[in-house]
N, C-alpha and C. Protein backbone atom coordinates (compact mmCIF):
# COMPACT_ATOMS: atom_id res chain seq x y z
N UNK A 1 45.05 -54.96 29.93
CA UNK A 1 46.48 -55.10 29.81
C UNK A 1 46.86 -56.56 29.46
N UNK A 2 46.25 -57.49 30.20
CA UNK A 2 46.56 -58.90 29.97
C UNK A 2 46.08 -59.34 28.58
N UNK A 3 44.93 -58.79 28.18
CA UNK A 3 44.39 -59.14 26.86
C UNK A 3 45.34 -58.67 25.76
N UNK A 4 45.89 -57.48 25.90
CA UNK A 4 46.85 -56.95 24.92
C UNK A 4 48.09 -57.83 24.84
N UNK A 5 48.54 -58.32 25.99
CA UNK A 5 49.71 -59.19 26.02
C UNK A 5 49.42 -60.49 25.28
N UNK A 6 48.22 -61.08 25.51
CA UNK A 6 47.84 -62.30 24.79
C UNK A 6 47.77 -62.07 23.28
N UNK A 7 47.22 -60.94 22.87
CA UNK A 7 47.14 -60.64 21.44
C UNK A 7 48.52 -60.46 20.84
N UNK A 8 49.42 -59.81 21.58
CA UNK A 8 50.79 -59.61 21.09
C UNK A 8 51.51 -60.94 20.94
N UNK A 9 51.43 -61.79 21.97
CA UNK A 9 52.09 -63.10 21.91
C UNK A 9 51.48 -63.95 20.81
N UNK A 10 50.15 -63.94 20.69
CA UNK A 10 49.49 -64.71 19.64
C UNK A 10 49.90 -64.25 18.26
N UNK A 11 50.03 -62.95 18.08
CA UNK A 11 50.47 -62.40 16.80
C UNK A 11 51.89 -62.79 16.46
N UNK A 12 52.77 -62.76 17.47
CA UNK A 12 54.16 -63.17 17.24
C UNK A 12 54.26 -64.65 16.88
N UNK A 13 53.46 -65.50 17.56
CA UNK A 13 53.46 -66.92 17.24
C UNK A 13 52.97 -67.14 15.81
N UNK A 14 51.92 -66.44 15.42
CA UNK A 14 51.39 -66.58 14.06
C UNK A 14 52.43 -66.15 13.03
N UNK A 15 53.07 -65.00 13.25
CA UNK A 15 54.05 -64.51 12.29
C UNK A 15 55.26 -65.43 12.20
N UNK A 16 55.72 -65.97 13.32
CA UNK A 16 56.87 -66.86 13.26
C UNK A 16 56.52 -68.16 12.56
N UNK A 17 55.31 -68.69 12.76
CA UNK A 17 54.93 -69.92 12.06
C UNK A 17 54.74 -69.65 10.57
N UNK A 18 54.24 -68.48 10.20
CA UNK A 18 54.09 -68.12 8.80
C UNK A 18 55.47 -68.03 8.14
N UNK A 19 56.44 -67.47 8.86
CA UNK A 19 57.81 -67.33 8.33
C UNK A 19 58.43 -68.70 8.11
N UNK A 20 58.24 -69.62 9.03
CA UNK A 20 58.78 -70.98 8.89
C UNK A 20 58.16 -71.67 7.69
N UNK A 21 56.85 -71.53 7.49
CA UNK A 21 56.18 -72.15 6.33
C UNK A 21 56.71 -71.57 5.03
N UNK A 22 56.94 -70.27 4.98
CA UNK A 22 57.44 -69.63 3.76
C UNK A 22 58.86 -70.11 3.45
N UNK A 23 59.69 -70.27 4.48
CA UNK A 23 61.06 -70.73 4.27
C UNK A 23 61.09 -72.17 3.78
N UNK A 24 60.26 -73.04 4.35
CA UNK A 24 60.26 -74.43 3.93
C UNK A 24 59.76 -74.58 2.50
N UNK A 25 58.82 -73.71 2.07
CA UNK A 25 58.35 -73.75 0.69
C UNK A 25 59.47 -73.36 -0.26
N UNK A 26 60.27 -72.36 0.09
CA UNK A 26 61.37 -71.93 -0.76
C UNK A 26 62.44 -73.00 -0.84
N UNK A 27 62.69 -73.73 0.24
CA UNK A 27 63.72 -74.76 0.23
C UNK A 27 63.29 -75.95 -0.61
N UNK A 28 61.99 -76.20 -0.74
CA UNK A 28 61.51 -77.33 -1.53
C UNK A 28 61.54 -77.06 -3.02
N UNK A 29 61.65 -75.80 -3.42
CA UNK A 29 61.71 -75.48 -4.84
C UNK A 29 63.10 -75.81 -5.38
N UNK A 30 63.15 -76.47 -6.51
CA UNK A 30 64.42 -76.84 -7.12
C UNK A 30 64.62 -76.02 -8.38
N UNK A 31 65.81 -75.49 -8.54
CA UNK A 31 66.10 -74.76 -9.76
C UNK A 31 66.41 -75.77 -10.86
N UNK A 32 66.12 -75.40 -12.08
CA UNK A 32 66.34 -76.30 -13.20
C UNK A 32 67.61 -75.92 -13.95
N UNK A 33 68.29 -76.95 -14.42
CA UNK A 33 69.44 -76.73 -15.29
C UNK A 33 68.92 -76.59 -16.71
N UNK A 34 69.64 -75.86 -17.52
CA UNK A 34 69.23 -75.64 -18.91
C UNK A 34 69.69 -76.81 -19.76
N UNK A 35 68.74 -77.44 -20.47
CA UNK A 35 69.07 -78.53 -21.38
C UNK A 35 69.79 -77.97 -22.59
N UNK A 36 70.92 -78.60 -22.97
CA UNK A 36 71.66 -78.15 -24.15
C UNK A 36 71.52 -79.14 -25.30
N UNK A 37 71.84 -80.41 -25.05
CA UNK A 37 71.74 -81.41 -26.13
C UNK A 37 71.83 -82.83 -25.58
N UNK A 38 71.60 -83.79 -26.48
CA UNK A 38 71.69 -85.22 -26.14
C UNK A 38 72.67 -85.87 -27.10
N UNK A 39 73.47 -86.79 -26.59
CA UNK A 39 74.46 -87.52 -27.38
C UNK A 39 74.21 -89.02 -27.27
N UNK A 40 74.67 -89.77 -28.26
CA UNK A 40 74.59 -91.23 -28.21
C UNK A 40 75.50 -91.74 -27.11
N UNK A 41 75.04 -92.77 -26.40
CA UNK A 41 75.82 -93.33 -25.30
C UNK A 41 76.53 -94.62 -25.70
N UNK A 42 76.32 -95.08 -26.92
CA UNK A 42 76.97 -96.29 -27.36
C UNK A 42 76.22 -97.56 -27.02
N UNK A 43 75.05 -97.43 -26.46
CA UNK A 43 74.20 -98.58 -26.17
C UNK A 43 72.75 -98.18 -26.33
N UNK A 44 71.91 -99.09 -26.79
CA UNK A 44 70.50 -98.74 -27.03
C UNK A 44 69.78 -98.41 -25.73
N UNK A 45 68.88 -97.43 -25.81
CA UNK A 45 68.06 -97.08 -24.65
C UNK A 45 68.72 -96.17 -23.64
N UNK A 46 69.90 -95.63 -23.98
CA UNK A 46 70.59 -94.73 -23.04
C UNK A 46 71.12 -93.53 -23.82
N UNK A 47 71.32 -92.45 -23.13
CA UNK A 47 71.84 -91.25 -23.75
C UNK A 47 72.71 -90.47 -22.78
N UNK A 48 73.49 -89.56 -23.34
CA UNK A 48 74.29 -88.64 -22.54
C UNK A 48 73.64 -87.27 -22.72
N UNK A 49 73.20 -86.68 -21.60
CA UNK A 49 72.49 -85.42 -21.63
C UNK A 49 73.42 -84.32 -21.14
N UNK A 50 73.52 -83.25 -21.92
CA UNK A 50 74.36 -82.11 -21.57
C UNK A 50 73.46 -81.02 -21.00
N UNK A 51 73.78 -80.58 -19.77
CA UNK A 51 72.98 -79.59 -19.06
C UNK A 51 73.86 -78.44 -18.59
N UNK A 52 73.30 -77.26 -18.47
CA UNK A 52 74.04 -76.08 -18.03
C UNK A 52 73.43 -75.50 -16.77
N UNK A 53 74.27 -75.26 -15.76
CA UNK A 53 73.85 -74.63 -14.51
C UNK A 53 74.37 -73.20 -14.52
N UNK A 54 73.48 -72.26 -14.80
CA UNK A 54 73.87 -70.85 -14.92
C UNK A 54 74.30 -70.24 -13.59
N UNK A 55 73.75 -70.72 -12.48
CA UNK A 55 74.08 -70.12 -11.18
C UNK A 55 75.54 -70.36 -10.81
N UNK A 56 76.11 -71.49 -11.21
CA UNK A 56 77.52 -71.79 -10.90
C UNK A 56 78.39 -71.80 -12.15
N UNK A 57 77.82 -71.52 -13.32
CA UNK A 57 78.54 -71.55 -14.59
C UNK A 57 79.22 -72.91 -14.78
N UNK A 58 78.41 -73.97 -14.70
CA UNK A 58 78.90 -75.34 -14.78
C UNK A 58 78.14 -76.09 -15.87
N UNK A 59 78.84 -76.93 -16.61
CA UNK A 59 78.23 -77.83 -17.59
C UNK A 59 78.33 -79.24 -17.04
N UNK A 60 77.21 -79.97 -17.10
CA UNK A 60 77.18 -81.35 -16.62
C UNK A 60 76.77 -82.29 -17.73
N UNK A 61 77.38 -83.46 -17.72
CA UNK A 61 77.03 -84.54 -18.64
C UNK A 61 76.44 -85.66 -17.80
N UNK A 62 75.22 -86.07 -18.13
CA UNK A 62 74.52 -87.10 -17.35
C UNK A 62 74.30 -88.31 -18.25
N UNK A 63 74.83 -89.46 -17.84
CA UNK A 63 74.61 -90.72 -18.56
C UNK A 63 73.45 -91.42 -17.87
N UNK A 64 72.37 -91.62 -18.63
CA UNK A 64 71.20 -92.28 -18.04
C UNK A 64 70.33 -92.90 -19.12
N UNK A 65 69.49 -93.85 -18.71
CA UNK A 65 68.56 -94.46 -19.66
C UNK A 65 67.57 -93.42 -20.18
N UNK A 66 67.02 -93.68 -21.35
CA UNK A 66 66.03 -92.78 -21.93
C UNK A 66 64.74 -92.76 -21.12
N UNK A 67 64.40 -93.88 -20.48
CA UNK A 67 63.21 -93.93 -19.63
C UNK A 67 63.61 -94.49 -18.27
N UNK A 68 63.05 -93.92 -17.22
CA UNK A 68 63.35 -94.36 -15.86
C UNK A 68 62.19 -95.21 -15.34
N UNK A 69 62.51 -96.35 -14.75
CA UNK A 69 61.48 -97.18 -14.15
C UNK A 69 61.37 -96.83 -12.67
N UNK A 70 60.13 -96.78 -12.19
CA UNK A 70 59.91 -96.42 -10.80
C UNK A 70 58.67 -97.12 -10.29
N UNK A 71 58.55 -97.17 -8.98
CA UNK A 71 57.35 -97.72 -8.36
C UNK A 71 57.03 -96.89 -7.12
N UNK A 72 55.77 -96.94 -6.72
CA UNK A 72 55.34 -96.14 -5.58
C UNK A 72 55.32 -97.01 -4.33
N UNK A 73 56.04 -96.54 -3.29
CA UNK A 73 56.08 -97.24 -2.02
C UNK A 73 55.74 -96.24 -0.92
N UNK A 74 54.75 -96.55 -0.14
CA UNK A 74 54.29 -95.67 0.95
C UNK A 74 54.02 -94.25 0.46
N UNK A 75 53.43 -94.13 -0.72
CA UNK A 75 53.05 -92.82 -1.25
C UNK A 75 54.20 -92.02 -1.84
N UNK A 76 55.39 -92.60 -1.93
CA UNK A 76 56.54 -91.89 -2.50
C UNK A 76 57.09 -92.69 -3.68
N UNK A 77 57.58 -91.96 -4.69
CA UNK A 77 58.15 -92.63 -5.85
C UNK A 77 59.58 -93.06 -5.55
N UNK A 78 59.88 -94.33 -5.86
CA UNK A 78 61.22 -94.89 -5.68
C UNK A 78 61.71 -95.33 -7.05
N UNK A 79 62.86 -94.79 -7.48
CA UNK A 79 63.43 -95.16 -8.77
C UNK A 79 64.30 -96.39 -8.60
N UNK A 80 64.21 -97.27 -9.56
CA UNK A 80 65.04 -98.47 -9.51
C UNK A 80 66.48 -98.09 -9.77
N UNK A 81 67.39 -98.81 -9.18
CA UNK A 81 68.81 -98.41 -9.19
C UNK A 81 69.39 -98.31 -10.59
N UNK A 82 68.96 -99.13 -11.53
CA UNK A 82 69.51 -99.07 -12.88
C UNK A 82 68.89 -97.96 -13.71
N UNK A 83 67.94 -97.22 -13.17
CA UNK A 83 67.29 -96.15 -13.92
C UNK A 83 68.02 -94.83 -13.79
N UNK A 84 68.89 -94.70 -12.82
CA UNK A 84 69.63 -93.45 -12.64
C UNK A 84 71.06 -93.68 -13.07
N UNK A 85 71.65 -92.65 -13.67
CA UNK A 85 72.99 -92.80 -14.20
C UNK A 85 74.02 -91.99 -13.46
N UNK A 86 75.15 -91.83 -14.09
CA UNK A 86 76.24 -91.07 -13.50
C UNK A 86 76.23 -89.64 -14.02
N UNK A 87 76.90 -88.76 -13.30
CA UNK A 87 76.96 -87.35 -13.69
C UNK A 87 78.40 -86.86 -13.53
N UNK A 88 78.83 -86.06 -14.49
CA UNK A 88 80.15 -85.42 -14.44
C UNK A 88 79.97 -83.96 -14.78
N UNK A 89 80.56 -83.09 -13.97
CA UNK A 89 80.41 -81.65 -14.18
C UNK A 89 81.78 -80.98 -14.25
N UNK A 90 81.82 -79.87 -14.98
CA UNK A 90 83.04 -79.08 -15.07
C UNK A 90 82.68 -77.62 -15.26
N UNK A 91 83.58 -76.77 -14.87
CA UNK A 91 83.37 -75.34 -14.99
C UNK A 91 83.30 -74.98 -16.47
N UNK A 92 82.31 -74.17 -16.85
CA UNK A 92 82.14 -73.77 -18.25
C UNK A 92 83.27 -72.83 -18.63
N UNK A 93 83.73 -72.98 -19.83
CA UNK A 93 84.80 -72.12 -20.34
C UNK A 93 84.13 -70.88 -20.92
N UNK A 94 84.50 -69.70 -20.43
CA UNK A 94 83.85 -68.49 -20.89
C UNK A 94 84.44 -67.97 -22.19
N UNK A 95 85.70 -68.27 -22.45
CA UNK A 95 86.31 -67.85 -23.72
C UNK A 95 87.04 -69.04 -24.33
N UNK A 96 87.07 -69.07 -25.63
CA UNK A 96 87.78 -70.12 -26.35
C UNK A 96 89.18 -69.59 -26.66
N UNK A 97 90.22 -70.31 -26.23
CA UNK A 97 91.57 -69.82 -26.49
C UNK A 97 91.86 -69.77 -27.98
N UNK A 98 92.46 -68.71 -28.43
CA UNK A 98 92.81 -68.54 -29.85
C UNK A 98 94.21 -69.09 -30.08
N UNK A 99 94.37 -69.78 -31.21
CA UNK A 99 95.69 -70.28 -31.58
C UNK A 99 96.52 -69.11 -32.08
N UNK A 100 97.76 -69.10 -31.65
CA UNK A 100 98.62 -67.99 -32.09
C UNK A 100 99.05 -68.20 -33.54
N UNK A 101 99.09 -67.12 -34.29
CA UNK A 101 99.50 -67.19 -35.70
C UNK A 101 101.01 -67.21 -35.77
N UNK A 102 101.57 -68.04 -36.65
CA UNK A 102 103.03 -68.13 -36.80
C UNK A 102 103.47 -67.36 -37.99
């Protein structure tokens, strides 16, 4: 009887730890935005990137350098502050309004 109880508790502990590992793996996965195009930013070495987020139906414009500088500190990559740019997002327009004929 006691052995069965130990096996049951051990099985529950194993299943709960497996569930926690599966959840943390799913949380670490990042969804990707769809790349649409690149525009000139008005200065050399930088661009404006247009991206689409299908899950929220949002279009984002990201101003950033063409190459990002980074260094490794304590086993993690750290991006230098001037390597990351600004981002602006807006809800995608699903229909284009038609001009009324006069």
